Amino acid sequence: MITPIAELVSKADTEILRLNHAASTLMQYRWAWHRFEVFCSENGISELTDEALVSYLRFLTTERAEGRFKEWKYKLLRKTALVLAEVNQTGTYRWKISKHATPNDRLNNVFRPVQEHFEAWLTHQSLAQATQDLHATVARRTLASWQGQGTTDLGALAGADVASALVSLAESYQLGSMRTVLSAMRVLCRFLEESAGCSGLVRAVPRSGARRVRHVSALPAEKIGLIANSPDPGTVSGRRDRAMLLLGARTGLRPVDIVALRLQDIDWRHGHITLAQHKTGTLLILPLLADVGEAIADYLLHNRPTGVNDEHVFLRTQAPYVALAPSNGLHHMAAGAFSRTGLDSQPEMGHGFRVLRASLATRMLEAGTPLPVISGALGHRGISSAKHYLAADEERMRECCLDFVGIEPKEARP
């Protein structure tokens, strides 16, 4: 069914109204759509096809290159055109889908098709979405490093190129993460050998990386309480941030699961939270503790935007009122809480939800909770994932120390 441009613009306008943007933002969108309608009229375009969209985006790029559009105006016109395309294709619009350019834009015409082919191949490998994203990111950075070296012939890639890419990747990843990077690099090299006629790439990837064992940062209960209560309830985000911090501290949930929590996941009558973990896919049922429930209810009743068509518990404090982005890991919010309580002065300690999670596990361990129970409460796939918390229980670790009975050191020689 062909949708006239004017009707499509009207539908897009309705979708944008749902997001509760400021009046000034709506005015900018409508101005930009008017410019698009003028372009279509001047070029005899009656419907939004892929060819029409490409033509318009090419026109915008040319106008910007020749100095007739400033950068902000180019971005606005481009984004509003992509909004129209999404509404034309799906009948609706989800905010942020077209907010940023694709991460593959920095790759040239040699490596971008390879990256897109690799990503398409990954979707058919029965991998978890998080694993696909990791492999795609490692591949993108690897191809970008080869592009920076001036490589133009994929068939000429050799083991030395793999080694140089790994050196480049090591600058962006921590030592403990390089084991995963090596695994992803091996998948990419195998793909290139099969699809691009390369040889000897997989053999150039080291079989294992160093595993760094970190000391688990843990805080006593009184300091965790200070962190959770540090947000100011008088601010727009205060009650929301307090509820999220308390939820992380009392349940050990990861940030990605906190921002993904939906209203229907909370059973107020029976007092529990049920959700599928993002990292493992494991179904987790947690008790809705009284203080956590009160904090969430306080936010829902007083600070959560009303009349919003979004089922997530925690929303942005500014329009559009949608779920928080899972990519930032709530790092800045948690770091601010640590700073307000003066706990950011210890450089060896983390300042995020990982510390809250580790502190909960450590307190459970000190209270004599069996390790399998701790592992289950934290949603681990197996007990081995919780073993590193043992190092934080100093009292019981001391009990494991051996004395020198029977192996006394010899007297010092003169």
Protein backbone atom coordinates (compact mmCIF):
# COMPACT_ATOMS: atom_id res chain seq x y z
CA MET A 1 0.00 0.00 0.00
CA ILE A 2 1.40 3.40 -1.05
CA THR A 3 1.38 6.07 1.65
CA PRO A 4 1.51 9.66 0.37
CA ILE A 5 4.31 11.78 1.82
CA ALA A 6 1.92 14.15 3.60
CA GLU A 7 0.08 11.25 5.25
CA LEU A 8 3.37 9.65 6.27
CA VAL A 9 4.50 12.90 7.89
CA SER A 10 1.22 13.06 9.80
CA LYS A 11 1.72 9.50 11.11
CA ALA A 12 5.28 10.30 12.16
CA ASP A 13 4.08 13.41 13.95
CA THR A 14 1.61 11.31 15.93
CA GLU A 15 4.38 8.89 16.93
CA ILE A 16 6.65 11.71 18.08
CA LEU A 17 3.84 13.24 20.16
CA ARG A 18 3.72 10.02 22.22
CA LEU A 19 7.29 10.65 23.41
CA ASN A 20 6.35 13.86 25.25
CA HIS A 21 9.04 15.97 23.61
CA ALA A 22 9.26 19.67 24.43
CA ALA A 23 7.30 22.05 22.19
CA SER A 24 10.54 23.41 20.74
CA THR A 25 11.65 19.91 19.74
CA LEU A 26 8.33 19.20 18.03
CA MET A 27 8.68 22.47 16.13
CA GLN A 28 12.13 21.41 14.87
CA TYR A 29 10.82 18.03 13.72
CA ARG A 30 7.93 19.64 11.85
CA TRP A 31 10.22 22.18 10.20
CA ALA A 32 12.53 19.39 9.06
CA TRP A 33 9.65 17.33 7.69
CA HIS A 34 8.44 20.38 5.76
CA ARG A 35 11.89 20.63 4.17
CA PHE A 36 11.62 16.96 3.20
CA GLU A 37 8.20 17.54 1.65
CA VAL A 38 9.62 20.43 -0.38
CA PHE A 39 12.46 18.20 -1.59
CA CYS A 40 9.99 15.48 -2.64
CA SER A 41 7.80 18.02 -4.45
CA GLU A 42 10.74 19.47 -6.36
CA ASN A 43 11.95 16.02 -7.39
CA GLY A 44 8.58 14.46 -8.25
CA ILE A 45 8.66 12.00 -5.32
CA SER A 46 5.20 10.85 -4.20
CA GLU A 47 6.13 8.04 -1.78
CA LEU A 48 9.07 7.19 0.45
CA THR A 49 11.02 4.39 -1.22
CA ASP A 50 14.57 3.25 -0.46
CA GLU A 51 15.75 5.08 -3.57
CA ALA A 52 14.01 8.29 -2.49
CA LEU A 53 15.55 8.08 0.98
CA VAL A 54 19.05 7.50 -0.42
CA SER A 55 18.58 10.43 -2.80
CA TYR A 56 17.53 12.74 0.03
CA LEU A 57 20.39 11.66 2.33
CA ARG A 58 22.86 12.17 -0.52
CA PHE A 59 21.40 15.65 -1.06
CA LEU A 60 21.86 16.48 2.64
CA THR A 61 25.45 15.26 2.60
CA THR A 62 26.24 17.41 -0.43
CA GLU A 63 24.62 20.48 1.09
CA ARG A 64 26.62 20.04 4.29
CA ALA A 65 29.90 19.50 2.38
CA GLU A 66 29.33 22.72 0.43
CA GLY A 67 28.66 24.70 3.59
CA ARG A 68 24.95 25.33 3.10
CA PHE A 69 23.99 23.28 6.17
CA LYS A 70 25.52 23.52 9.60
CA GLU A 71 26.25 20.25 11.37
CA TRP A 72 23.27 20.48 13.77
CA LYS A 73 20.88 21.16 10.91
CA TYR A 74 22.27 18.26 8.88
CA LYS A 75 21.82 15.88 11.83
CA LEU A 76 18.26 17.08 12.43
CA LEU A 77 17.24 16.69 8.78
CA ARG A 78 18.90 13.28 8.55
CA LYS A 79 17.33 11.97 11.75
CA THR A 80 13.82 13.13 10.88
CA ALA A 81 14.12 11.45 7.49
CA LEU A 82 15.11 8.18 9.20
CA VAL A 83 12.13 8.56 11.54
CA LEU A 84 9.87 8.78 8.47
CA ALA A 85 11.51 5.68 7.02
CA GLU A 86 10.93 3.71 10.21
CA VAL A 87 7.29 4.78 10.46
CA ASN A 88 6.82 3.91 6.79
CA GLN A 89 8.27 0.45 7.32
CA THR A 90 6.90 -0.50 10.76
CA GLY A 91 3.99 1.86 11.35
CA THR A 92 5.57 3.14 14.55
CA TYR A 93 8.77 4.70 15.90
CA ARG A 94 11.01 3.67 18.75
CA TRP A 95 13.14 6.47 20.08
CA LYS A 96 16.93 6.14 19.69
CA ILE A 97 16.84 3.61 16.88
CA SER A 98 17.93 6.24 14.41
CA LYS A 99 19.57 8.62 16.86
CA HIS A 100 23.13 7.68 16.05
CA ALA A 101 24.95 6.70 12.89
CA THR A 102 25.79 3.03 12.52
CA PRO A 103 29.09 2.07 14.17
CA ASN A 104 30.25 0.66 10.83
CA ASP A 105 30.32 4.13 9.27
CA ARG A 106 34.01 4.57 10.06
CA LEU A 107 34.92 1.58 7.88
CA ASN A 108 35.72 2.25 4.22
CA ASN A 109 34.31 0.50 1.16
CA VAL A 110 36.86 -2.32 1.53
CA PHE A 111 36.15 -3.32 5.13
CA ARG A 112 32.55 -2.23 5.71
CA PRO A 113 31.07 -4.96 3.43
CA VAL A 114 33.22 -7.50 5.26
CA GLN A 115 31.92 -6.32 8.64
CA GLU A 116 28.31 -6.38 7.48
CA HIS A 117 28.76 -9.86 5.99
CA PHE A 118 30.32 -11.05 9.25
CA GLU A 119 27.45 -9.63 11.32
CA ALA A 120 24.91 -11.30 9.05
CA TRP A 121 26.81 -14.58 9.39
CA LEU A 122 26.79 -14.26 13.19
CA THR A 123 23.00 -14.09 13.29
CA HIS A 124 22.83 -17.67 11.94
CA GLN A 125 25.29 -19.18 14.44
CA SER A 126 22.82 -19.74 17.32
CA LEU A 127 24.77 -17.37 19.58
CA ALA A 128 23.34 -15.22 22.35
CA GLN A 129 22.78 -11.62 21.33
CA ALA A 130 25.40 -10.39 23.79
CA THR A 131 27.95 -12.77 22.26
CA GLN A 132 27.07 -11.60 18.75
CA ASP A 133 27.54 -7.99 19.83
CA LEU A 134 30.93 -8.77 21.36
CA HIS A 135 32.16 -10.60 18.25
CA ALA A 136 30.92 -7.76 16.04
CA THR A 137 32.70 -5.15 18.18
CA VAL A 138 36.02 -7.03 18.17
CA ALA A 139 35.73 -7.55 14.41
CA ARG A 140 34.95 -3.87 13.82
CA ARG A 141 37.98 -2.75 15.81
CA THR A 142 40.19 -5.30 14.11
CA LEU A 143 39.13 -4.23 10.64
CA ALA A 144 39.55 -0.58 11.62
CA SER A 145 43.12 -1.25 12.72
CA TRP A 146 43.91 -2.91 9.37
CA GLN A 147 42.24 -0.04 7.57
CA GLY A 148 44.44 2.39 9.50
CA GLN A 149 47.51 0.50 8.31
CA GLY A 150 46.46 1.08 4.71
CA THR A 151 45.46 -2.53 3.97
CA THR A 152 43.41 -2.82 0.78
CA ASP A 153 43.73 -6.51 -0.15
CA LEU A 154 42.03 -8.90 2.26
CA GLY A 155 43.62 -11.89 0.57
CA ALA A 156 47.05 -10.59 1.52
CA LEU A 157 46.35 -10.62 5.26
CA ALA A 158 48.84 -12.72 7.21
CA GLY A 159 49.69 -13.72 10.75
CA ALA A 160 51.67 -10.52 11.30
CA ASP A 161 48.50 -8.50 10.64
CA VAL A 162 46.63 -10.52 13.26
CA ALA A 163 49.41 -9.85 15.77
CA SER A 164 49.34 -6.10 15.10
CA ALA A 165 45.55 -6.03 15.50
CA LEU A 166 45.83 -7.82 18.86
CA VAL A 167 48.34 -5.21 20.03
CA SER A 168 45.84 -2.52 19.07
CA LEU A 169 42.99 -4.31 20.84
CA ALA A 170 45.07 -4.74 24.00
CA GLU A 171 45.08 -0.96 24.36
CA SER A 172 41.27 -0.95 24.69
CA TYR A 173 40.67 -4.06 26.81
CA GLN A 174 41.83 -5.03 30.26
CA LEU A 175 44.12 -8.00 30.69
CA GLY A 176 41.39 -10.22 32.11
CA SER A 177 39.14 -9.50 29.11
CA MET A 178 41.71 -10.50 26.51
CA ARG A 179 40.78 -14.19 26.83
CA THR A 180 37.34 -13.33 25.45
CA VAL A 181 38.86 -11.05 22.81
CA LEU A 182 41.10 -13.87 21.62
CA SER A 183 38.10 -16.15 21.27
CA ALA A 184 36.24 -13.52 19.23
CA MET A 185 39.32 -12.86 17.10
CA ARG A 186 39.61 -16.57 16.37
CA VAL A 187 36.01 -16.62 15.11
CA LEU A 188 36.69 -13.63 12.84
CA CYS A 189 39.86 -15.18 11.44
CA ARG A 190 38.08 -18.44 10.72
CA PHE A 191 35.35 -16.49 8.92
CA LEU A 192 37.92 -14.60 6.83
CA GLU A 193 39.70 -17.81 5.89
CA GLU A 194 36.46 -19.32 4.66
CA SER A 195 34.96 -16.26 2.96
CA ALA A 196 37.90 -14.13 1.79
CA GLY A 197 40.46 -16.75 0.87
CA CYS A 198 42.89 -15.80 3.64
CA SER A 199 45.21 -18.39 5.16
CA GLY A 200 47.21 -18.76 8.34
CA LEU A 201 45.13 -16.28 10.35
CA VAL A 202 43.65 -18.63 12.95
CA ARG A 203 47.07 -20.11 13.74
CA ALA A 204 48.33 -16.61 14.55
CA VAL A 205 45.83 -16.16 17.38
CA PRO A 206 47.30 -17.27 20.75
CA ARG A 207 45.45 -20.19 22.28
CA SER A 208 45.02 -18.60 25.69
CA GLY A 209 45.37 -15.32 27.48
CA ALA A 210 46.40 -14.40 30.97
CA ARG A 211 43.71 -14.66 33.59
CA ARG A 212 43.95 -12.01 36.26
CA VAL A 213 42.47 -12.81 39.62
CA ARG A 214 41.11 -9.68 41.22
CA HIS A 215 40.59 -9.04 44.88
CA VAL A 216 36.86 -8.74 45.47
CA SER A 217 35.95 -5.27 46.71
CA ALA A 218 33.36 -5.46 49.48
CA LEU A 219 31.92 -2.91 51.89
CA PRO A 220 30.28 -3.33 55.29
CA ALA A 221 26.51 -2.98 55.58
CA GLU A 222 26.64 0.51 57.13
CA LYS A 223 28.58 1.93 54.19
CA ILE A 224 26.28 0.24 51.70
CA GLY A 225 23.41 1.97 53.50
CA LEU A 226 25.13 5.34 53.12
CA ILE A 227 25.55 4.76 49.39
CA ALA A 228 21.94 3.71 48.86
CA ASN A 229 20.59 6.69 50.78
CA SER A 230 22.92 9.29 49.26
CA PRO A 231 20.62 10.48 46.40
CA ASP A 232 18.65 13.60 47.29
CA PRO A 233 14.89 12.76 47.32
CA GLY A 234 14.19 16.41 46.58
CA THR A 235 15.67 16.15 43.07
CA VAL A 236 13.88 14.80 40.01
CA SER A 237 16.01 11.67 39.91
CA GLY A 238 16.61 11.21 43.65
CA ARG A 239 13.90 8.67 44.46
CA ARG A 240 14.59 6.72 41.25
CA ASP A 241 18.34 6.49 41.90
CA ARG A 242 17.82 5.48 45.52
CA ALA A 243 15.45 2.68 44.47
CA MET A 244 17.95 1.38 41.91
CA LEU A 245 20.90 1.52 44.31
CA LEU A 246 18.90 -0.22 47.05
CA LEU A 247 17.71 -2.84 44.56
CA GLY A 248 21.29 -3.56 43.52
CA ALA A 249 22.59 -3.63 47.08
CA ARG A 250 19.86 -5.87 48.51
CA THR A 251 19.39 -8.30 45.62
CA GLY A 252 22.73 -8.25 43.78
CA LEU A 253 21.06 -7.59 40.43
CA ARG A 254 23.30 -6.42 37.63
CA PRO A 255 22.67 -2.92 36.19
CA VAL A 256 21.46 -4.32 32.86
CA ASP A 257 18.76 -6.29 34.70
CA ILE A 258 17.77 -3.33 36.85
CA VAL A 259 17.13 -1.05 33.86
CA ALA A 260 15.27 -3.91 32.09
CA LEU A 261 12.95 -4.53 35.05
CA ARG A 262 9.29 -4.19 34.05
CA LEU A 263 6.23 -3.39 36.09
CA GLN A 264 4.81 -6.88 35.57
CA ASP A 265 8.02 -8.44 36.96
CA ILE A 266 7.08 -7.26 40.45
CA ASP A 267 4.49 -9.33 42.29
CA TRP A 268 3.43 -7.00 45.07
CA ARG A 269 0.85 -9.38 46.49
CA HIS A 270 3.22 -12.30 46.96
CA GLY A 271 6.33 -10.19 47.52
CA HIS A 272 8.78 -11.33 44.87
CA ILE A 273 10.50 -10.23 41.67
CA THR A 274 10.72 -12.56 38.68
CA LEU A 275 12.93 -11.85 35.67
CA ALA A 276 15.12 -13.53 33.09
CA GLN A 277 18.73 -12.40 33.44
CA HIS A 278 20.27 -10.67 30.45
CA LYS A 279 23.70 -12.27 30.84
CA THR A 280 22.72 -15.90 31.36
CA GLY A 281 19.05 -16.08 30.40
CA THR A 282 18.45 -17.78 33.75
CA LEU A 283 15.03 -17.23 35.33
CA LEU A 284 15.57 -15.56 38.67
CA ILE A 285 13.01 -15.25 41.48
CA LEU A 286 14.01 -12.84 44.24
CA PRO A 287 12.18 -11.79 47.41
CA LEU A 288 10.82 -8.25 47.34
CA LEU A 289 12.35 -7.05 50.60
CA ALA A 290 10.41 -4.44 52.54
CA ASP A 291 12.88 -1.56 52.15
CA VAL A 292 13.36 -2.27 48.45
CA GLY A 293 9.60 -2.44 47.85
CA GLU A 294 9.05 0.80 49.75
CA ALA A 295 11.75 2.59 47.74
CA ILE A 296 10.32 1.39 44.41
CA ALA A 297 6.77 2.27 45.46
CA ASP A 298 7.93 5.73 46.57
CA TYR A 299 9.43 6.34 43.12
CA LEU A 300 6.40 4.97 41.26
CA LEU A 301 3.98 7.13 43.25
CA HIS A 302 5.91 10.39 43.30
CA ASN A 303 8.56 10.61 40.55
CA ARG A 304 7.85 8.22 37.70
CA PRO A 305 6.29 10.14 34.77
CA THR A 306 2.57 9.50 34.41
CA GLY A 307 0.66 8.65 31.25
CA VAL A 308 3.70 6.99 29.68
CA ASN A 309 3.31 3.99 27.39
CA ASP A 310 6.39 2.16 28.68
CA GLU A 311 6.31 -0.88 30.97
CA HIS A 312 9.83 -0.44 32.39
CA VAL A 313 9.94 0.46 36.07
CA PHE A 314 12.75 3.02 35.81
CA LEU A 315 12.47 5.73 33.16
CA ARG A 316 14.41 8.75 32.03
CA THR A 317 13.74 11.94 33.95
CA GLN A 318 13.53 13.99 30.75
CA ALA A 319 11.36 13.56 27.67
CA PRO A 320 11.09 11.25 25.91
CA TYR A 321 10.19 9.19 28.98
CA VAL A 322 11.52 5.80 27.99
CA ALA A 323 13.61 3.10 29.64
CA LEU A 324 17.18 3.88 30.61
CA ALA A 325 19.84 2.76 28.15
CA PRO A 326 21.45 -0.51 29.29
CA SER A 327 24.75 0.37 27.66
CA ASN A 328 25.98 2.81 30.29
CA GLY A 329 25.68 0.29 33.14
CA LEU A 330 24.40 3.06 35.46
CA HIS A 331 28.06 3.83 36.02
CA HIS A 332 27.76 7.59 36.42
CA MET A 333 24.86 7.32 38.83
CA ALA A 334 26.69 4.79 41.03
CA ALA A 335 29.97 6.73 40.83
CA GLY A 336 28.11 9.83 42.04
CA ALA A 337 26.75 7.91 45.02
CA PHE A 338 30.24 6.69 45.97
CA SER A 339 31.56 10.24 45.62
CA ARG A 340 28.89 11.73 47.86
CA THR A 341 29.77 9.26 50.62
CA GLY A 342 33.53 9.80 50.25
CA LEU A 343 34.18 6.21 49.15
CA ASP A 344 35.71 7.22 45.81
CA SER A 345 39.01 8.08 47.50
CA GLN A 346 40.12 4.43 47.43
CA PRO A 347 41.56 3.87 43.93
CA GLU A 348 41.86 0.12 44.42
CA MET A 349 38.10 -0.21 44.94
CA GLY A 350 35.46 -0.05 42.23
CA HIS A 351 32.71 2.54 42.33
CA GLY A 352 29.78 0.74 40.79
CA PHE A 353 27.14 -1.93 41.14
CA ARG A 354 29.80 -4.64 41.04
CA VAL A 355 30.86 -3.57 44.53
CA LEU A 356 27.26 -3.70 45.77
CA ARG A 357 26.89 -7.20 44.32
CA ALA A 358 30.18 -8.39 45.83
CA SER A 359 29.33 -6.87 49.21
CA LEU A 360 26.03 -8.74 49.30
CA ALA A 361 27.73 -12.04 48.48
CA THR A 362 30.40 -11.44 51.12
CA ARG A 363 27.84 -10.69 53.85
CA MET A 364 25.92 -13.83 52.95
CA LEU A 365 29.15 -15.83 53.13
CA GLU A 366 30.10 -14.35 56.49
CA ALA A 367 26.63 -15.26 57.79
CA GLY A 368 27.31 -18.90 56.96
CA THR A 369 25.18 -19.10 53.80
CA PRO A 370 26.25 -22.12 51.69
CA LEU A 371 28.01 -21.23 48.45
CA PRO A 372 25.36 -22.91 46.24
CA VAL A 373 22.68 -20.72 47.83
CA ILE A 374 24.77 -17.59 47.17
CA SER A 375 25.34 -18.67 43.59
CA GLY A 376 21.62 -19.25 43.10
CA ALA A 377 20.68 -15.89 44.63
CA LEU A 378 23.05 -14.08 42.31
CA GLY A 379 21.81 -15.99 39.27
CA HIS A 380 25.06 -17.76 38.42
CA ARG A 381 25.00 -20.68 36.02
CA GLY A 382 27.22 -22.72 38.31
CA ILE A 383 28.84 -22.64 41.71
CA SER A 384 32.29 -21.92 40.23
CA SER A 385 31.20 -18.38 39.34
CA ALA A 386 30.78 -17.55 43.03
CA LYS A 387 34.03 -19.06 44.29
CA HIS A 388 36.04 -15.85 43.93
CA TYR A 389 33.93 -14.32 46.70
CA LEU A 390 35.63 -16.72 49.12
CA ALA A 391 38.72 -14.49 49.11
CA ALA A 392 36.73 -11.68 50.73
CA ASP A 393 35.93 -13.74 53.84
CA GLU A 394 39.19 -13.02 55.66
CA GLU A 395 38.20 -14.74 58.91
CA ARG A 396 37.59 -18.12 57.29
CA MET A 397 40.56 -17.69 54.96
CA ARG A 398 42.79 -17.40 58.02
CA GLU A 399 41.43 -20.73 59.26
CA CYS A 400 42.82 -22.33 56.12
CA CYS A 401 46.38 -21.22 56.88
CA LEU A 402 48.81 -23.92 58.07
CA ASP A 403 51.26 -23.45 60.90
CA PHE A 404 54.87 -24.56 60.85
CA VAL A 405 54.44 -27.64 63.10
CA GLY A 406 56.69 -30.31 61.70
CA ILE A 407 58.25 -28.05 59.13
CA GLU A 408 59.92 -25.56 61.42
CA PRO A 409 62.52 -23.44 59.63
CA LYS A 410 66.10 -24.26 60.40
CA GLU A 411 68.07 -21.86 62.53
CA ALA A 412 69.75 -19.14 60.59
CA ARG A 413 73.27 -20.02 59.61
CA PRO A 414 76.06 -17.91 61.12
